[in-house]
C-alpha cells in the first residue's frame, strides 16, 4: 500500500487503529505523526504553525485558557 500524502488519511488510519485494537493506539499514532512532522519542519514553519488561529485557539482551550 502506498503511503498517503493526505493528513485526513492519517487521522482516519489512526482512528481505525484505535477502534480495531485499543483507543490508546489512536492517540499514540497521532502523537507519532505530529512528532515526526515537527522534526521535519523548519523553525519558521513551526512559528507559522503555532501562530495559526485554529492552532492557537485549540491550544488555549486545551490549557484551559478561554
PDB file of N, CA and C in Angstrom:
ATOM      1  N   UNK A   1       0.845  -1.178   0.000  1.00  0.00           N
ATOM      2  CA  UNK A   1       0.000   0.000   0.000  1.00  0.00           C
ATOM      3  C   UNK A   1       0.890   1.241   0.000  1.00  0.00           C
ATOM      4  N   UNK A   2       0.669   2.158  -0.928  1.00  0.00           N
ATOM      5  CA  UNK A   2       1.488   3.380  -0.960  1.00  0.00           C
ATOM      6  C   UNK A   2       1.170   4.279   0.222  1.00  0.00           C
ATOM      7  N   UNK A   3       2.153   5.026   0.645  1.00  0.00           N
ATOM      8  CA  UNK A   3       1.955   5.977   1.737  1.00  0.00           C
ATOM      9  C   UNK A   3       1.166   7.168   1.204  1.00  0.00           C
ATOM     10  N   UNK A   4       0.224   7.619   1.998  1.00  0.00           N
ATOM     11  CA  UNK A   4      -0.643   8.733   1.603  1.00  0.00           C
ATOM     12  C   UNK A   4       0.062  10.070   1.787  1.00  0.00           C
ATOM     13  N   UNK A   5      -0.428  11.073   1.112  1.00  0.00           N
ATOM     14  CA  UNK A   5       0.045  12.442   1.336  1.00  0.00           C
ATOM     15  C   UNK A   5      -1.085  13.302   1.898  1.00  0.00           C
ATOM     16  N   UNK A   6      -2.186  12.659   2.284  1.00  0.00           N
ATOM     17  CA  UNK A   6      -3.359  13.371   2.801  1.00  0.00           C
ATOM     18  C   UNK A   6      -3.429  13.204   4.325  1.00  0.00           C
ATOM     19  N   UNK A   7      -3.366  14.305   5.039  1.00  0.00           N
ATOM     20  CA  UNK A   7      -3.401  14.259   6.504  1.00  0.00           C
ATOM     21  C   UNK A   7      -4.686  13.622   7.005  1.00  0.00           C
ATOM     22  N   UNK A   8      -5.786  13.820   6.292  1.00  0.00           N
ATOM     23  CA  UNK A   8      -7.049  13.219   6.709  1.00  0.00           C
ATOM     24  C   UNK A   8      -6.970  11.694   6.681  1.00  0.00           C
ATOM     25  N   UNK A   9      -6.200  11.148   5.755  1.00  0.00           N
ATOM     26  CA  UNK A   9      -5.986   9.695   5.732  1.00  0.00           C
ATOM     27  C   UNK A   9      -5.264   9.245   6.996  1.00  0.00           C
ATOM     28  N   UNK A  10      -4.241   9.988   7.408  1.00  0.00           N
ATOM     29  CA  UNK A  10      -3.502   9.624   8.620  1.00  0.00           C
ATOM     30  C   UNK A  10      -4.410   9.654   9.837  1.00  0.00           C
ATOM     31  N   UNK A  11      -5.265  10.665   9.923  1.00  0.00           N
ATOM     32  CA  UNK A  11      -6.197  10.764  11.039  1.00  0.00           C
ATOM     33  C   UNK A  11      -7.176   9.589  11.021  1.00  0.00           C
ATOM     34  N   UNK A  12      -7.671   9.261   9.842  1.00  0.00           N
ATOM     35  CA  UNK A  12      -8.594   8.126   9.708  1.00  0.00           C
ATOM     36  C   UNK A  12      -7.915   6.819  10.080  1.00  0.00           C
ATOM     37  N   UNK A  13      -6.699   6.614   9.596  1.00  0.00           N
ATOM     38  CA  UNK A  13      -5.977   5.376   9.902  1.00  0.00           C
ATOM     39  C   UNK A  13      -5.728   5.245  11.398  1.00  0.00           C
ATOM     40  N   UNK A  14      -5.380   6.351  12.038  1.00  0.00           N
ATOM     41  CA  UNK A  14      -5.163   6.326  13.486  1.00  0.00           C
ATOM     42  C   UNK A  14      -6.454   5.989  14.219  1.00  0.00           C
ATOM     43  N   UNK A  15      -7.560   6.584  13.789  1.00  0.00           N
ATOM     44  CA  UNK A  15      -8.855   6.311  14.414  1.00  0.00           C
ATOM     45  C   UNK A  15      -9.239   4.845  14.246  1.00  0.00           C
ATOM     46  N   UNK A  16      -9.023   4.307  13.055  1.00  0.00           N
ATOM     47  CA  UNK A  16      -9.332   2.900  12.801  1.00  0.00           C
ATOM     48  C   UNK A  16      -8.448   1.977  13.638  1.00  0.00           C
ATOM     49  N   UNK A  17      -7.186   2.357  13.797  1.00  0.00           N
ATOM     50  CA  UNK A  17      -6.279   1.555  14.618  1.00  0.00           C
ATOM     51  C   UNK A  17      -6.787   1.500  16.051  1.00  0.00           C
ATOM     52  N   UNK A  18      -7.268   2.634  16.551  1.00  0.00           N
ATOM     53  CA  UNK A  18      -7.826   2.684  17.898  1.00  0.00           C
ATOM     54  C   UNK A  18      -9.111   1.888  18.031  1.00  0.00           C
ATOM     55  N   UNK A  19      -9.935   1.932  17.000  1.00  0.00           N
ATOM     56  CA  UNK A  19     -11.189   1.175  17.027  1.00  0.00           C
ATOM     57  C   UNK A  19     -10.941  -0.331  16.945  1.00  0.00           C
ATOM     58  N   UNK A  20      -9.927  -0.720  16.172  1.00  0.00           N
ATOM     59  CA  UNK A  20      -9.659  -2.140  15.948  1.00  0.00           C
ATOM     60  C   UNK A  20      -8.800  -2.780  17.031  1.00  0.00           C
ATOM     61  N   UNK A  21      -8.198  -1.981  17.874  1.00  0.00           N
ATOM     62  CA  UNK A  21      -7.372  -2.530  18.955  1.00  0.00           C
ATOM     63  C   UNK A  21      -7.746  -1.855  20.266  1.00  0.00           C
ATOM     64  N   UNK A  22      -6.933  -0.921  20.705  1.00  0.00           N
ATOM     65  CA  UNK A  22      -7.220  -0.176  21.932  1.00  0.00           C
ATOM     66  C   UNK A  22      -7.239   1.314  21.611  1.00  0.00           C
ATOM     67  N   UNK A  23      -8.130   2.079  22.256  1.00  0.00           N
ATOM     68  CA  UNK A  23      -8.232   3.514  21.967  1.00  0.00           C
ATOM     69  C   UNK A  23      -6.904   4.264  22.106  1.00  0.00           C
ATOM     70  N   UNK A  24      -6.040   3.804  22.998  1.00  0.00           N
ATOM     71  CA  UNK A  24      -4.744   4.472  23.177  1.00  0.00           C
ATOM     72  C   UNK A  24      -3.902   4.452  21.904  1.00  0.00           C
ATOM     73  N   UNK A  25      -4.157   3.494  21.030  1.00  0.00           N
ATOM     74  CA  UNK A  25      -3.374   3.411  19.789  1.00  0.00           C
ATOM     75  C   UNK A  25      -3.654   4.597  18.877  1.00  0.00           C
ATOM     76  N   UNK A  26      -4.890   5.087  18.896  1.00  0.00           N
ATOM     77  CA  UNK A  26      -5.203   6.269  18.080  1.00  0.00           C
ATOM     78  C   UNK A  26      -4.367   7.459  18.529  1.00  0.00           C
ATOM     79  N   UNK A  27      -4.358   7.710  19.809  1.00  0.00           N
ATOM     80  CA  UNK A  27      -3.579   8.827  20.348  1.00  0.00           C
ATOM     81  C   UNK A  27      -2.092   8.631  20.068  1.00  0.00           C
ATOM     82  N   UNK A  28      -1.607   7.423  20.286  1.00  0.00           N
ATOM     83  CA  UNK A  28      -0.190   7.137  20.047  1.00  0.00           C
ATOM     84  C   UNK A  28       0.208   7.356  18.601  1.00  0.00           C
ATOM     85  N   UNK A  29      -0.647   6.910  17.682  1.00  0.00           N
ATOM     86  CA  UNK A  29      -0.361   7.107  16.258  1.00  0.00           C
ATOM     87  C   UNK A  29      -0.315   8.592  15.919  1.00  0.00           C
ATOM     88  N   UNK A  30      -1.291   9.352  16.406  1.00  0.00           N
ATOM     89  CA  UNK A  30      -1.331  10.787  16.125  1.00  0.00           C
ATOM     90  C   UNK A  30      -0.121  11.500  16.719  1.00  0.00           C
ATOM     91  N   UNK A  31       0.301  11.090  17.913  1.00  0.00           N
ATOM     92  CA  UNK A  31       1.497  11.675  18.520  1.00  0.00           C
ATOM     93  C   UNK A  31       2.726  11.384  17.669  1.00  0.00           C
ATOM     94  N   UNK A  32       2.832  10.177  17.172  1.00  0.00           N
ATOM     95  CA  UNK A  32       3.965   9.818  16.315  1.00  0.00           C
ATOM     96  C   UNK A  32       3.980  10.673  15.059  1.00  0.00           C
ATOM     97  N   UNK A  33       2.828  10.788  14.397  1.00  0.00           N
ATOM     98  CA  UNK A  33       2.754  11.595  13.173  1.00  0.00           C
ATOM     99  C   UNK A  33       3.171  13.038  13.448  1.00  0.00           C
ATOM    100  N   UNK A  34       2.674  13.611  14.552  1.00  0.00           N
ATOM    101  CA  UNK A  34       2.970  15.007  14.869  1.00  0.00           C
ATOM    102  C   UNK A  34       4.441  15.199  15.232  1.00  0.00           C
ATOM    103  N   UNK A  35       4.991  14.285  16.004  1.00  0.00           N
ATOM    104  CA  UNK A  35       6.408  14.410  16.383  1.00  0.00           C
ATOM    105  C   UNK A  35       7.323  14.338  15.165  1.00  0.00           C
ATOM    106  N   UNK A  36       7.043  13.420  14.268  1.00  0.00           N
ATOM    107  CA  UNK A  36       7.861  13.296  13.051  1.00  0.00           C
ATOM    108  C   UNK A  36       7.730  14.558  12.207  1.00  0.00           C
ATOM    109  N   UNK A  37       6.501  15.043  12.045  1.00  0.00           N
ATOM    110  CA  UNK A  37       6.294  16.260  11.255  1.00  0.00           C
ATOM    111  C   UNK A  37       7.081  17.426  11.837  1.00  0.00           C
ATOM    112  N   UNK A  38       7.073  17.562  13.152  1.00  0.00           N
ATOM    113  CA  UNK A  38       7.788  18.672  13.776  1.00  0.00           C
ATOM    114  C   UNK A  38       9.295  18.539  13.630  1.00  0.00           C
ATOM    115  N   UNK A  39       9.800  17.335  13.571  1.00  0.00           N
ATOM    116  CA  UNK A  39      11.230  17.146  13.353  1.00  0.00           C
ATOM    117  C   UNK A  39      11.645  17.556  11.948  1.00  0.00           C
ATOM    118  N   UNK A  40      10.700  17.576  11.034  1.00  0.00           N
ATOM    119  CA  UNK A  40      10.981  17.940   9.643  1.00  0.00           C
ATOM    120  C   UNK A  40      10.813  19.436   9.405  1.00  0.00           C
ATOM    121  N   UNK A  41       9.906  20.076  10.138  1.00  0.00           N
ATOM    122  CA  UNK A  41       9.616  21.497   9.933  1.00  0.00           C
ATOM    123  C   UNK A  41      10.789  22.381  10.328  1.00  0.00           C
ATOM    124  N   UNK A  42      10.934  23.477   9.609  1.00  0.00           N
ATOM    125  CA  UNK A  42      11.926  24.485   9.981  1.00  0.00           C
ATOM    126  C   UNK A  42      11.389  25.290  11.157  1.00  0.00           C
ATOM    127  N   UNK A  43      12.256  26.061  11.803  1.00  0.00           N
ATOM    128  CA  UNK A  43      11.808  26.914  12.909  1.00  0.00           C
ATOM    129  C   UNK A  43      10.750  27.904  12.433  1.00  0.00           C
ATOM    130  N   UNK A  44      10.918  28.437  11.237  1.00  0.00           N
ATOM    131  CA  UNK A  44       9.944  29.386  10.687  1.00  0.00           C
ATOM    132  C   UNK A  44       8.589  28.703  10.471  1.00  0.00           C
ATOM    133  N   UNK A  45       8.604  27.482   9.978  1.00  0.00           N
ATOM    134  CA  UNK A  45       7.356  26.750   9.772  1.00  0.00           C
ATOM    135  C   UNK A  45       6.678  26.429  11.104  1.00  0.00           C
ATOM    136  N   UNK A  46       7.451  26.117  12.119  1.00  0.00           N
ATOM    137  CA  UNK A  46       6.879  25.861  13.449  1.00  0.00           C
ATOM    138  C   UNK A  46       6.227  27.122  13.999  1.00  0.00           C
ATOM    139  N   UNK A  47       6.859  28.261  13.825  1.00  0.00           N
ATOM    140  CA  UNK A  47       6.303  29.527  14.272  1.00  0.00           C
ATOM    141  C   UNK A  47       4.995  29.818  13.543  1.00  0.00           C
ATOM    142  N   UNK A  48       4.974  29.584  12.243  1.00  0.00           N
ATOM    143  CA  UNK A  48       3.759  29.777  11.453  1.00  0.00           C
ATOM    144  C   UNK A  48       2.651  28.862  11.948  1.00  0.00           C
ATOM    145  N   UNK A  49       2.986  27.625  12.239  1.00  0.00           N
ATOM    146  CA  UNK A  49       2.012  26.656  12.748  1.00  0.00           C
ATOM    147  C   UNK A  49       1.403  27.143  14.058  1.00  0.00           C
ATOM    148  N   UNK A  50       2.250  27.511  15.007  1.00  0.00           N
ATOM    149  CA  UNK A  50       1.755  27.919  16.328  1.00  0.00           C
ATOM    150  C   UNK A  50       0.988  29.234  16.298  1.00  0.00           C
ATOM    151  N   UNK A  51       1.234  30.066  15.316  1.00  0.00           N
ATOM    152  CA  UNK A  51       0.527  31.342  15.252  1.00  0.00           C
ATOM    153  C   UNK A  51      -0.772  31.241  14.447  1.00  0.00           C
ATOM    154  N   UNK A  52      -1.048  30.097  13.866  1.00  0.00           N
ATOM    155  CA  UNK A  52      -2.289  29.899  13.116  1.00  0.00           C
ATOM    156  C   UNK A  52      -3.473  29.984  14.089  1.00  0.00           C
ATOM    157  N   UNK A  53      -4.527  30.674  13.702  1.00  0.00           N
ATOM    158  CA  UNK A  53      -5.661  30.928  14.592  1.00  0.00           C
ATOM    159  C   UNK A  53      -6.279  29.642  15.141  1.00  0.00           C
ATOM    160  N   UNK A  54      -6.451  28.625  14.314  1.00  0.00           N
ATOM    161  CA  UNK A  54      -7.069  27.373  14.788  1.00  0.00           C
ATOM    162  C   UNK A  54      -6.177  26.653  15.790  1.00  0.00           C
ATOM    163  N   UNK A  55      -4.883  26.658  15.535  1.00  0.00           N
ATOM    164  CA  UNK A  55      -3.951  26.015  16.456  1.00  0.00           C
ATOM    165  C   UNK A  55      -3.917  26.786  17.771  1.00  0.00           C
ATOM    166  N   UNK A  56      -3.833  28.097  17.679  1.00  0.00           N
ATOM    167  CA  UNK A  56      -3.773  28.926  18.889  1.00  0.00           C
ATOM    168  C   UNK A  56      -5.023  28.750  19.745  1.00  0.00           C
ATOM    169  N   UNK A  57      -6.208  28.747  19.123  1.00  0.00           N
ATOM    170  CA  UNK A  57      -7.436  28.618  19.910  1.00  0.00           C
ATOM    171  C   UNK A  57      -7.571  27.214  20.498  1.00  0.00           C
ATOM    172  N   UNK A  58      -7.163  26.193  19.767  1.00  0.00           N
ATOM    173  CA  UNK A  58      -7.209  24.829  20.297  1.00  0.00           C
ATOM    174  C   UNK A  58      -6.218  24.674  21.427  1.00  0.00           C
ATOM    175  N   UNK A  59      -5.045  25.245  21.280  1.00  0.00           N
ATOM    176  CA  UNK A  59      -4.020  25.219  22.327  1.00  0.00           C
ATOM    177  C   UNK A  59      -4.542  25.887  23.601  1.00  0.00           C
ATOM    178  N   UNK A  60      -5.147  27.042  23.446  1.00  0.00           N
ATOM    179  CA  UNK A  60      -5.677  27.762  24.601  1.00  0.00           C
ATOM    180  C   UNK A  60      -6.785  26.966  25.288  1.00  0.00           C
ATOM    181  N   UNK A  61      -7.663  26.354  24.514  1.00  0.00           N
ATOM    182  CA  UNK A  61      -8.747  25.548  25.090  1.00  0.00           C
ATOM    183  C   UNK A  61      -8.179  24.328  25.819  1.00  0.00           C
ATOM    184  N   UNK A  62      -7.176  23.716  25.241  1.00  0.00           N
ATOM    185  CA  UNK A  62      -6.573  22.528  25.844  1.00  0.00           C
ATOM    186  C   UNK A  62      -5.909  22.865  27.184  1.00  0.00           C
ATOM    187  N   UNK A  63      -5.388  24.071  27.278  1.00  0.00           N
ATOM    188  CA  UNK A  63      -4.747  24.529  28.508  1.00  0.00           C
ATOM    189  C   UNK A  63      -5.738  25.153  29.491  1.00  0.00           C
ATOM    190  N   UNK A  64      -6.991  25.237  29.082  1.00  0.00           N
ATOM    191  CA  UNK A  64      -7.998  25.827  29.960  1.00  0.00           C
ATOM    192  C   UNK A  64      -8.001  27.340  29.937  1.00  0.00           C
ATOM    193  N   UNK A  65      -7.432  27.937  28.889  1.00  0.00           N
ATOM    194  CA  UNK A  65      -7.367  29.396  28.754  1.00  0.00           C
ATOM    195  C   UNK A  65      -8.472  29.829  27.803  1.00  0.00           C
ATOM    196  N   UNK A  66      -9.466  30.509  28.339  1.00  0.00           N
ATOM    197  CA  UNK A  66     -10.593  30.904  27.476  1.00  0.00           C
ATOM    198  C   UNK A  66     -10.643  32.386  27.317  1.00  0.00           C
TER     199      UNK A  66
END
